[in-house]
Amino acid sequence: MDEFIDKYQPYDLAKMVTGLADVEQILFFTKVPRPVAAEIIEYLEPELQYRILDHIGENLAIKLLNDMSSDRAVDLLLAIHPHQARRLMEFLPKEYRKKIKTLMTYENNTAGSLATVDYIGARKHWTIEYTLNHIRKVGQEAEIVSYIYVIDTHGKLTGVVSLKEIILAKPNQKLEDIAKADVITALVDEHQEEVADTLAKYDFVAIPVVNSSQRMIGIITVDDLIDVIHEEATEDIQKLGGSQPLEESYFKNSIWDLFRKRIMWLLILFVAEAYTGNVLRHYEDTLDQVIALAFFIPLLIGTGGNSGTQTVTTLVRAMAMGEVEFKDMFKVMRKEVSTGLLLGAVMGVVAFIRANILGVGFDIGSVVAITAICIVIWASFVAAAMPLILHKLKVDPAVVSGPFIATLVDGTGLIIYFSVARLLLNI
């Protein structure tokens, strides 16, 4: 059994466990070494975690639950029924239970909700030798040992020191001599996306979480924030597609869930798109006089929508990465409009060639070409401005989805098209 376990990572073993029958799953956890079992169970869904802990015997369940990292234990306790959570709470030591209950009070998607209390704390007056002995004693239970956090008697974070610095220091030196006092921290109510940006910016392995009084709450490790980055990126992609983000993985959502997430945006876009018909009706006389103009409507509004979608997708991602801010608005607009001018020029030439292939004549070909240039520039302008304005108004810029921009450009693009046609064709 040990040889088989050694061949695979805990994540891979967890995937194997999900494919076993219920009885085999329970038997598996009774045979696997306890430290490995605790790592494996962390990768399972909360319902399966609870069923395993409920059936493997109380003694083993207590040990596994206490071996789990505190943030994973919190996720489990929040996901299951309150009666089940209370039962598992009884398996935890009194002081540890108190810390877990505190973590459970923090709002979802905040730094506090991601924090784990499994870190190594030390006092500033400790010597290096004493600190190393402390690390050897409690290090097995810590999430990471890369950083040692210096805490005062009131629980406030006063400094941080790396394990490397401790190893290289002299045994009789004190921690306060080598600890860094200016610690980069995350507040408990800070949004998880902001915490992920901070961690990425400073290339930390972990970041301490404190409350408004600078009291140490816990730490967030890089592996948890990788999950956050993945989650936030998935949410933005789904919003950019014109849909509310899914709260669970794809196959965990029913047809009804998918319907609920998509219908509202579709209705909003449908109503918004309806004004395109009003524009066509307004220019009905123009179409009657030059019916050939109708041939190019799908081409032109499609080009505008595609151009706007390219711009908004690039810009929303740049904003998410912290590369673009509201103060850069005019710089961004100048850049995107210039790019739109180049793209529009190319599309205008292609549109003119297409018009001549259809044999509609030079005049209409010129109208189509000039309109293509104007629509691409207009779409670039709108798509550059809207995400930045919404971000300034504290609205997620990802809601400026591709379909939303396409819908907006459709109607305005038709106005541009028929205005150019009236001007050049004298109708």
Protein backbone atom coordinates (compact mmCIF):
# COMPACT_ATOMS: atom_id res chain seq x y z
CA MET A 1 0.00 0.00 0.00
CA ASP A 2 2.80 2.43 0.92
CA GLU A 3 4.56 1.80 -2.41
CA PHE A 4 1.34 2.58 -4.27
CA ILE A 5 0.75 5.77 -2.26
CA ASP A 6 4.30 6.99 -2.87
CA LYS A 7 3.77 6.91 -6.64
CA TYR A 8 1.08 9.58 -6.62
CA GLN A 9 0.46 13.09 -5.34
CA PRO A 10 -2.44 13.67 -2.86
CA TYR A 11 -4.47 15.42 -5.58
CA ASP A 12 -4.18 12.39 -7.89
CA LEU A 13 -5.12 10.04 -5.06
CA ALA A 14 -8.17 12.18 -4.28
CA LYS A 15 -9.32 11.86 -7.89
CA MET A 16 -8.97 8.09 -7.57
CA VAL A 17 -10.98 8.07 -4.35
CA THR A 18 -13.96 9.74 -6.03
CA GLY A 19 -14.15 6.81 -8.44
CA LEU A 20 -14.37 4.20 -5.66
CA ALA A 21 -17.53 2.76 -4.17
CA ASP A 22 -18.65 4.15 -0.78
CA VAL A 23 -17.36 1.17 1.20
CA GLU A 24 -14.03 1.22 -0.67
CA GLN A 25 -13.58 4.94 0.09
CA ILE A 26 -13.94 4.35 3.83
CA LEU A 27 -11.58 1.36 3.70
CA PHE A 28 -9.03 3.40 1.75
CA PHE A 29 -8.81 6.08 4.45
CA THR A 30 -8.40 3.51 7.19
CA LYS A 31 -5.40 1.98 5.38
CA VAL A 32 -3.59 5.13 4.22
CA PRO A 33 -1.01 6.73 6.58
CA ARG A 34 -2.75 9.49 8.54
CA PRO A 35 -0.66 12.49 7.33
CA VAL A 36 -1.26 11.46 3.72
CA ALA A 37 -4.96 10.82 4.39
CA ALA A 38 -5.32 14.37 5.77
CA GLU A 39 -3.78 15.79 2.60
CA ILE A 40 -5.99 13.67 0.35
CA ILE A 41 -9.23 14.54 2.10
CA GLU A 42 -8.58 18.26 1.61
CA TYR A 43 -9.02 17.84 -2.16
CA LEU A 44 -12.47 16.21 -1.85
CA GLU A 45 -15.83 17.96 -1.98
CA PRO A 46 -17.33 18.91 1.44
CA GLU A 47 -20.19 16.38 1.19
CA LEU A 48 -17.74 13.54 0.58
CA GLN A 49 -15.38 14.86 3.27
CA TYR A 50 -18.14 14.76 5.85
CA ARG A 51 -19.38 11.29 4.83
CA ILE A 52 -15.87 9.89 5.18
CA LEU A 53 -15.29 11.54 8.57
CA ASP A 54 -18.70 10.29 9.68
CA HIS A 55 -17.96 6.65 8.81
CA ILE A 56 -14.27 6.02 9.53
CA GLY A 57 -14.66 5.96 13.30
CA GLU A 58 -14.54 8.82 15.75
CA ASN A 59 -10.91 8.43 16.81
CA LEU A 60 -9.58 8.54 13.25
CA ALA A 61 -12.03 11.29 12.28
CA ILE A 62 -10.78 13.49 15.14
CA LYS A 63 -7.18 13.02 14.05
CA LEU A 64 -7.89 13.70 10.36
CA LEU A 65 -9.96 16.81 11.06
CA ASN A 66 -7.24 18.22 13.30
CA ASP A 67 -4.58 17.42 10.68
CA MET A 68 -6.46 19.36 7.99
CA SER A 69 -5.32 22.94 7.40
CA SER A 70 -7.58 25.38 9.20
CA ASP A 71 -8.78 27.14 6.04
CA ARG A 72 -9.89 23.80 4.52
CA ALA A 73 -11.59 22.87 7.78
CA VAL A 74 -13.48 26.18 7.68
CA ASP A 75 -14.58 25.52 4.09
CA LEU A 76 -15.90 22.11 5.16
CA LEU A 77 -17.76 23.42 8.22
CA LEU A 78 -19.41 26.23 6.26
CA ALA A 79 -20.50 23.94 3.43
CA ILE A 80 -22.27 21.23 5.43
CA HIS A 81 -25.45 21.34 7.49
CA PRO A 82 -25.12 23.30 10.80
CA HIS A 83 -25.98 20.17 12.83
CA GLN A 84 -23.18 18.28 11.08
CA ALA A 85 -20.80 21.21 11.58
CA ARG A 86 -21.56 21.33 15.32
CA ARG A 87 -20.78 17.62 15.61
CA LEU A 88 -17.41 18.04 13.90
CA MET A 89 -16.65 21.10 16.01
CA GLU A 90 -16.68 18.87 19.06
CA PHE A 91 -13.71 17.02 17.57
CA LEU A 92 -11.52 20.15 17.81
CA PRO A 93 -9.55 21.30 20.89
CA LYS A 94 -11.15 24.24 22.69
CA GLU A 95 -8.60 26.91 21.69
CA TYR A 96 -8.39 25.70 18.09
CA ARG A 97 -12.20 25.56 17.90
CA LYS A 98 -12.34 29.21 18.98
CA LYS A 99 -9.97 30.22 16.16
CA ILE A 100 -11.98 28.22 13.62
CA LYS A 101 -15.22 29.89 14.73
CA THR A 102 -13.57 33.29 14.27
CA LEU A 103 -12.49 32.42 10.73
CA MET A 104 -16.03 31.29 9.95
CA THR A 105 -17.40 34.76 10.71
CA TYR A 106 -15.54 36.51 7.89
CA GLU A 107 -17.43 37.37 4.74
CA ASN A 108 -16.91 35.14 1.72
CA ASN A 109 -14.28 36.23 -0.84
CA THR A 110 -12.37 38.30 1.73
CA ALA A 111 -8.87 37.81 3.11
CA GLY A 112 -10.33 36.61 6.42
CA SER A 113 -12.28 33.83 4.71
CA LEU A 114 -9.07 32.52 3.09
CA ALA A 115 -6.83 32.74 6.14
CA THR A 116 -5.36 29.77 7.95
CA VAL A 117 -4.19 29.88 11.56
CA ASP A 118 -1.55 27.23 10.88
CA TYR A 119 1.44 29.57 10.92
CA ILE A 120 4.53 29.84 13.11
CA GLY A 121 4.58 32.77 15.52
CA ALA A 122 7.46 33.89 17.70
CA ARG A 123 8.40 36.59 20.21
CA LYS A 124 10.90 39.32 19.35
CA HIS A 125 13.09 38.60 22.43
CA TRP A 126 13.62 34.95 21.46
CA THR A 127 17.12 33.95 20.41
CA ILE A 128 17.75 32.29 17.05
CA GLU A 129 18.57 29.00 18.78
CA TYR A 130 15.34 29.06 20.78
CA THR A 131 13.35 29.97 17.65
CA LEU A 132 14.81 27.04 15.69
CA ASN A 133 13.85 24.66 18.50
CA HIS A 134 10.34 26.11 18.40
CA ILE A 135 10.16 25.59 14.62
CA ARG A 136 11.21 21.96 15.03
CA LYS A 137 8.51 21.50 17.66
CA VAL A 138 5.52 23.06 15.84
CA GLY A 139 6.67 23.14 12.23
CA GLN A 140 4.94 19.89 11.30
CA GLU A 141 1.54 21.49 11.97
CA ALA A 142 2.28 24.73 10.11
CA GLU A 143 1.04 25.45 6.59
CA ILE A 144 4.48 26.83 5.70
CA VAL A 145 7.77 27.37 7.54
CA SER A 146 9.23 29.85 5.05
CA TYR A 147 8.23 32.83 7.20
CA ILE A 148 8.20 33.27 10.97
CA TYR A 149 5.85 35.98 12.21
CA VAL A 150 6.90 38.05 15.21
CA ILE A 151 3.90 38.60 17.52
CA ASP A 152 3.79 40.70 20.69
CA THR A 153 1.97 39.72 23.91
CA HIS A 154 -1.27 41.31 22.65
CA GLY A 155 -1.28 39.28 19.44
CA LYS A 156 -0.17 42.19 17.23
CA LEU A 157 2.10 41.53 14.27
CA THR A 158 5.35 43.45 14.77
CA GLY A 159 7.67 41.85 12.22
CA VAL A 160 8.48 38.97 9.93
CA VAL A 161 11.66 37.00 9.32
CA SER A 162 12.40 34.33 6.73
CA LEU A 163 13.65 30.88 7.61
CA LYS A 164 16.73 31.55 5.49
CA GLU A 165 17.60 34.60 7.62
CA ILE A 166 17.14 32.56 10.79
CA ILE A 167 19.40 29.76 9.58
CA LEU A 168 22.14 32.20 8.58
CA ALA A 169 21.98 34.20 11.83
CA LYS A 170 24.10 33.54 14.91
CA PRO A 171 22.49 31.29 17.57
CA ASN A 172 22.61 33.95 20.30
CA GLN A 173 21.12 36.74 18.17
CA LYS A 174 17.59 37.88 18.95
CA LEU A 175 14.75 37.85 16.43
CA GLU A 176 14.19 41.59 16.79
CA ASP A 177 17.70 42.14 15.42
CA ILE A 178 16.92 40.53 12.06
CA ALA A 179 13.13 40.81 11.72
CA LYS A 180 11.63 43.27 9.22
CA ALA A 181 9.25 45.67 10.91
CA ASP A 182 7.52 47.02 7.78
CA VAL A 183 5.38 43.99 6.98
CA ILE A 184 3.15 43.86 3.91
CA THR A 185 -0.22 42.64 5.20
CA ALA A 186 -3.81 42.08 4.10
CA LEU A 187 -6.78 43.33 6.10
CA VAL A 188 -9.42 40.78 7.04
CA ASP A 189 -12.12 42.52 4.98
CA GLU A 190 -9.93 43.10 1.91
CA HIS A 191 -11.28 41.47 -1.25
CA GLN A 192 -9.49 38.27 -2.25
CA GLU A 193 -8.62 39.63 -5.71
CA GLU A 194 -6.74 42.56 -4.16
CA VAL A 195 -4.85 40.16 -1.89
CA ALA A 196 -3.89 38.02 -4.89
CA ASP A 197 -2.59 41.12 -6.69
CA THR A 198 -0.47 42.05 -3.65
CA LEU A 199 1.01 38.57 -3.37
CA ALA A 200 1.82 38.51 -7.09
CA LYS A 201 3.34 41.99 -6.96
CA TYR A 202 5.79 41.15 -4.15
CA ASP A 203 6.39 37.47 -5.10
CA PHE A 204 5.58 36.27 -1.58
CA VAL A 205 4.93 32.66 -0.66
CA ALA A 206 2.39 33.81 1.93
CA ILE A 207 0.89 37.03 3.27
CA PRO A 208 -0.21 37.70 6.86
CA VAL A 209 -3.82 38.73 7.54
CA VAL A 210 -4.49 41.29 10.28
CA ASN A 211 -7.50 43.16 11.63
CA SER A 212 -7.82 46.94 11.97
CA SER A 213 -5.80 46.77 15.22
CA GLN A 214 -2.95 44.93 13.46
CA ARG A 215 -3.75 41.80 15.43
CA MET A 216 -2.62 38.68 13.61
CA ILE A 217 -5.55 36.62 12.28
CA GLY A 218 -3.70 34.13 10.12
CA ILE A 219 -1.90 33.80 6.80
CA ILE A 220 -2.91 33.18 3.21
CA THR A 221 -0.58 30.95 1.23
CA VAL A 222 0.18 31.19 -2.47
CA ASP A 223 -1.60 27.91 -3.28
CA ASP A 224 -4.88 29.32 -1.97
CA LEU A 225 -4.43 32.52 -3.97
CA ILE A 226 -3.71 30.57 -7.15
CA ASP A 227 -7.22 29.15 -6.70
CA VAL A 228 -8.50 32.72 -6.24
CA ILE A 229 -6.78 33.94 -9.42
CA HIS A 230 -8.26 31.00 -11.33
CA GLU A 231 -11.71 31.68 -9.87
CA GLU A 232 -11.62 35.43 -10.60
CA ALA A 233 -10.34 34.89 -14.15
CA THR A 234 -13.11 32.36 -14.80
CA GLU A 235 -15.70 34.81 -13.47
CA ASP A 236 -14.42 37.61 -15.72
CA ILE A 237 -14.41 35.36 -18.79
CA GLN A 238 -18.00 34.29 -18.14
CA LYS A 239 -19.08 37.92 -17.68
CA LEU A 240 -17.31 38.93 -20.87
CA GLY A 241 -19.37 36.27 -22.64
CA GLY A 242 -22.57 38.02 -21.56
CA SER A 243 -23.60 35.70 -18.73
CA GLN A 244 -23.67 35.73 -14.95
CA PRO A 245 -20.74 33.68 -13.58
CA LEU A 246 -21.36 30.11 -12.45
CA GLU A 247 -20.89 29.48 -8.74
CA GLU A 248 -20.00 25.80 -9.20
CA SER A 249 -18.16 23.82 -11.86
CA TYR A 250 -19.99 23.35 -15.17
CA PHE A 251 -21.38 19.85 -14.60
CA LYS A 252 -22.56 20.72 -11.09
CA ASN A 253 -24.95 23.29 -12.56
CA SER A 254 -28.33 22.05 -13.72
CA ILE A 255 -30.04 23.15 -16.92
CA TRP A 256 -32.20 25.41 -14.77
CA ASP A 257 -29.06 27.02 -13.24
CA LEU A 258 -27.64 27.72 -16.70
CA PHE A 259 -30.99 29.17 -17.76
CA ARG A 260 -31.11 31.52 -14.75
CA LYS A 261 -27.54 32.71 -15.30
CA ARG A 262 -28.09 33.53 -18.96
CA ILE A 263 -31.70 34.65 -19.40
CA MET A 264 -31.44 38.06 -17.74
CA TRP A 265 -28.53 39.19 -19.89
CA LEU A 266 -30.21 37.83 -23.01
CA LEU A 267 -33.38 39.78 -22.22
CA ILE A 268 -31.41 42.96 -21.54
CA LEU A 269 -29.49 42.55 -24.80
CA PHE A 270 -32.71 41.72 -26.66
CA VAL A 271 -34.36 44.92 -25.46
CA ALA A 272 -31.23 46.93 -26.23
CA GLU A 273 -31.00 45.37 -29.69
CA ALA A 274 -34.62 46.35 -30.40
CA TYR A 275 -33.58 49.96 -30.96
CA THR A 276 -31.71 48.75 -34.06
CA GLY A 277 -35.11 48.17 -35.63
CA ASN A 278 -36.10 51.73 -34.75
CA VAL A 279 -33.00 53.03 -36.52
CA LEU A 280 -33.80 50.99 -39.65
CA ARG A 281 -37.36 52.26 -39.62
CA HIS A 282 -36.14 55.85 -39.30
CA TYR A 283 -33.97 55.41 -42.38
CA GLU A 284 -36.60 53.44 -44.31
CA ASP A 285 -36.78 56.09 -47.07
CA THR A 286 -33.02 55.92 -47.57
CA LEU A 287 -33.17 52.14 -47.95
CA ASP A 288 -36.06 52.42 -50.41
CA GLN A 289 -34.03 54.75 -52.62
CA VAL A 290 -30.82 52.70 -52.50
CA ILE A 291 -31.76 49.11 -51.69
CA ALA A 292 -28.14 47.99 -52.19
CA LEU A 293 -27.26 49.62 -48.86
CA ALA A 294 -29.07 46.78 -47.09
CA PHE A 295 -26.54 44.25 -48.43
CA PHE A 296 -23.80 45.57 -46.17
CA ILE A 297 -25.66 46.07 -42.89
CA PRO A 298 -24.66 42.70 -41.33
CA LEU A 299 -21.06 43.16 -42.51
CA LEU A 300 -20.65 46.63 -41.03
CA ILE A 301 -22.35 46.13 -37.67
CA GLY A 302 -20.58 42.78 -37.28
CA THR A 303 -17.21 44.44 -37.92
CA GLY A 304 -17.96 47.11 -35.33
CA GLY A 305 -19.02 44.54 -32.74
CA ASN A 306 -15.94 42.40 -33.34
CA SER A 307 -13.61 45.39 -33.10
CA GLY A 308 -15.23 46.57 -29.87
CA THR A 309 -15.08 43.09 -28.36
CA GLN A 310 -11.34 42.86 -29.09
CA THR A 311 -10.73 46.18 -27.37
CA VAL A 312 -12.88 45.56 -24.29
CA THR A 313 -11.46 42.06 -23.73
CA THR A 314 -7.87 43.33 -23.86
CA LEU A 315 -8.61 46.31 -21.66
CA VAL A 316 -10.61 44.47 -18.97
CA ARG A 317 -7.78 41.97 -18.59
CA ALA A 318 -5.19 44.76 -18.39
CA MET A 319 -7.26 46.40 -15.64
CA ALA A 320 -7.52 43.11 -13.77
CA MET A 321 -3.73 42.79 -13.89
CA GLY A 322 -3.31 46.33 -12.55
CA GLU A 323 -1.69 47.56 -15.77
CA VAL A 324 -4.35 50.20 -16.50
CA GLU A 325 -6.14 52.61 -14.13
CA PHE A 326 -8.74 55.36 -14.52
CA LYS A 327 -6.02 58.02 -14.54
CA ASP A 328 -4.75 56.41 -17.77
CA MET A 329 -8.09 56.93 -19.51
CA PHE A 330 -7.03 59.52 -22.10
CA LYS A 331 -3.80 57.69 -22.79
CA VAL A 332 -5.75 54.46 -23.36
CA MET A 333 -8.34 56.16 -25.55
CA ARG A 334 -5.63 57.78 -27.68
CA LYS A 335 -3.92 54.42 -28.08
CA GLU A 336 -7.10 52.51 -28.93
CA VAL A 337 -8.49 55.14 -31.32
CA SER A 338 -5.15 55.22 -33.14
CA THR A 339 -5.22 51.45 -33.36
CA GLY A 340 -8.84 51.64 -34.50
CA LEU A 341 -7.83 54.07 -37.27
CA LEU A 342 -5.28 51.61 -38.63
CA LEU A 343 -7.67 48.67 -38.33
CA GLY A 344 -10.47 50.70 -39.87
CA ALA A 345 -8.30 51.68 -42.84
CA VAL A 346 -7.60 48.03 -43.61
CA MET A 347 -11.25 47.04 -43.13
CA GLY A 348 -12.31 49.99 -45.32
CA VAL A 349 -10.14 48.78 -48.20
CA VAL A 350 -11.46 45.23 -47.83
CA ALA A 351 -15.06 46.52 -47.65
CA PHE A 352 -14.54 48.61 -50.81
CA ILE A 353 -13.19 45.59 -52.67
CA ARG A 354 -16.11 43.49 -51.45
CA ALA A 355 -18.61 46.12 -52.62
CA ASN A 356 -17.08 46.22 -56.07
CA ILE A 357 -17.13 42.42 -56.31
CA LEU A 358 -20.88 42.61 -55.67
CA GLY A 359 -21.12 45.17 -58.46
CA VAL A 360 -22.91 47.92 -56.53
CA GLY A 361 -20.83 50.72 -58.00
CA PHE A 362 -18.13 53.11 -56.88
CA ASP A 363 -20.41 55.45 -54.90
CA ILE A 364 -21.90 52.77 -52.64
CA GLY A 365 -18.50 51.13 -52.35
CA SER A 366 -17.12 54.41 -51.05
CA VAL A 367 -19.97 54.71 -48.54
CA VAL A 368 -19.30 51.20 -47.25
CA ALA A 369 -15.54 51.78 -47.01
CA ILE A 370 -15.82 55.10 -45.16
CA THR A 371 -18.46 53.65 -42.83
CA ALA A 372 -16.24 50.69 -42.00
CA ILE A 373 -13.45 53.07 -40.99
CA CYS A 374 -15.78 55.22 -38.87
CA ILE A 375 -17.47 52.26 -37.15
CA VAL A 376 -14.20 50.60 -36.17
CA ILE A 377 -12.88 53.88 -34.74
CA TRP A 378 -16.16 54.48 -32.90
CA ALA A 379 -16.23 50.94 -31.50
CA SER A 380 -12.63 51.32 -30.29
CA PHE A 381 -13.51 54.61 -28.59
CA VAL A 382 -16.57 53.23 -26.79
CA ALA A 383 -14.88 49.98 -25.75
CA ALA A 384 -11.87 51.91 -24.38
CA ALA A 385 -13.91 54.38 -22.34
CA MET A 386 -16.69 52.28 -20.82
CA PRO A 387 -14.66 49.77 -18.73
CA LEU A 388 -12.63 52.58 -17.16
CA ILE A 389 -15.70 54.66 -16.38
CA LEU A 390 -17.52 51.68 -14.83
CA HIS A 391 -14.45 50.80 -12.75
CA LYS A 392 -14.39 54.37 -11.44
CA LEU A 393 -18.07 53.98 -10.49
CA LYS A 394 -17.19 50.80 -8.51
CA VAL A 395 -18.88 48.54 -11.09
CA ASP A 396 -17.06 45.42 -12.28
CA PRO A 397 -15.74 46.39 -15.77
CA ALA A 398 -16.18 42.77 -16.89
CA VAL A 399 -19.92 43.44 -17.24
CA VAL A 400 -19.02 45.39 -20.39
CA SER A 401 -19.19 42.10 -22.22
CA GLY A 402 -18.59 41.38 -25.89
CA PRO A 403 -22.35 41.04 -26.57
CA PHE A 404 -23.01 44.32 -24.72
CA ILE A 405 -20.49 46.25 -26.82
CA ALA A 406 -21.73 44.56 -30.00
CA THR A 407 -25.32 45.54 -29.19
CA LEU A 408 -24.35 49.15 -28.49
CA VAL A 409 -22.32 49.43 -31.68
CA ASP A 410 -25.09 47.84 -33.80
CA GLY A 411 -27.51 50.74 -33.47
CA THR A 412 -24.95 53.54 -33.47
CA GLY A 413 -23.17 51.89 -36.39
CA LEU A 414 -26.36 52.00 -38.45
CA ILE A 415 -26.75 55.71 -37.70
CA ILE A 416 -23.18 56.26 -38.91
CA TYR A 417 -23.83 54.14 -42.02
CA PHE A 418 -26.97 55.94 -43.14
CA SER A 419 -25.57 59.36 -42.25
CA VAL A 420 -22.54 58.72 -44.48
CA ALA A 421 -24.85 57.41 -47.23
CA ARG A 422 -27.06 60.49 -47.15
CA LEU A 423 -24.05 62.77 -47.20
CA LEU A 424 -22.22 61.07 -50.09
CA LEU A 425 -25.22 59.98 -52.15
CA ASN A 426 -27.25 63.16 -51.65
CA ILE A 427 -30.43 61.31 -50.60
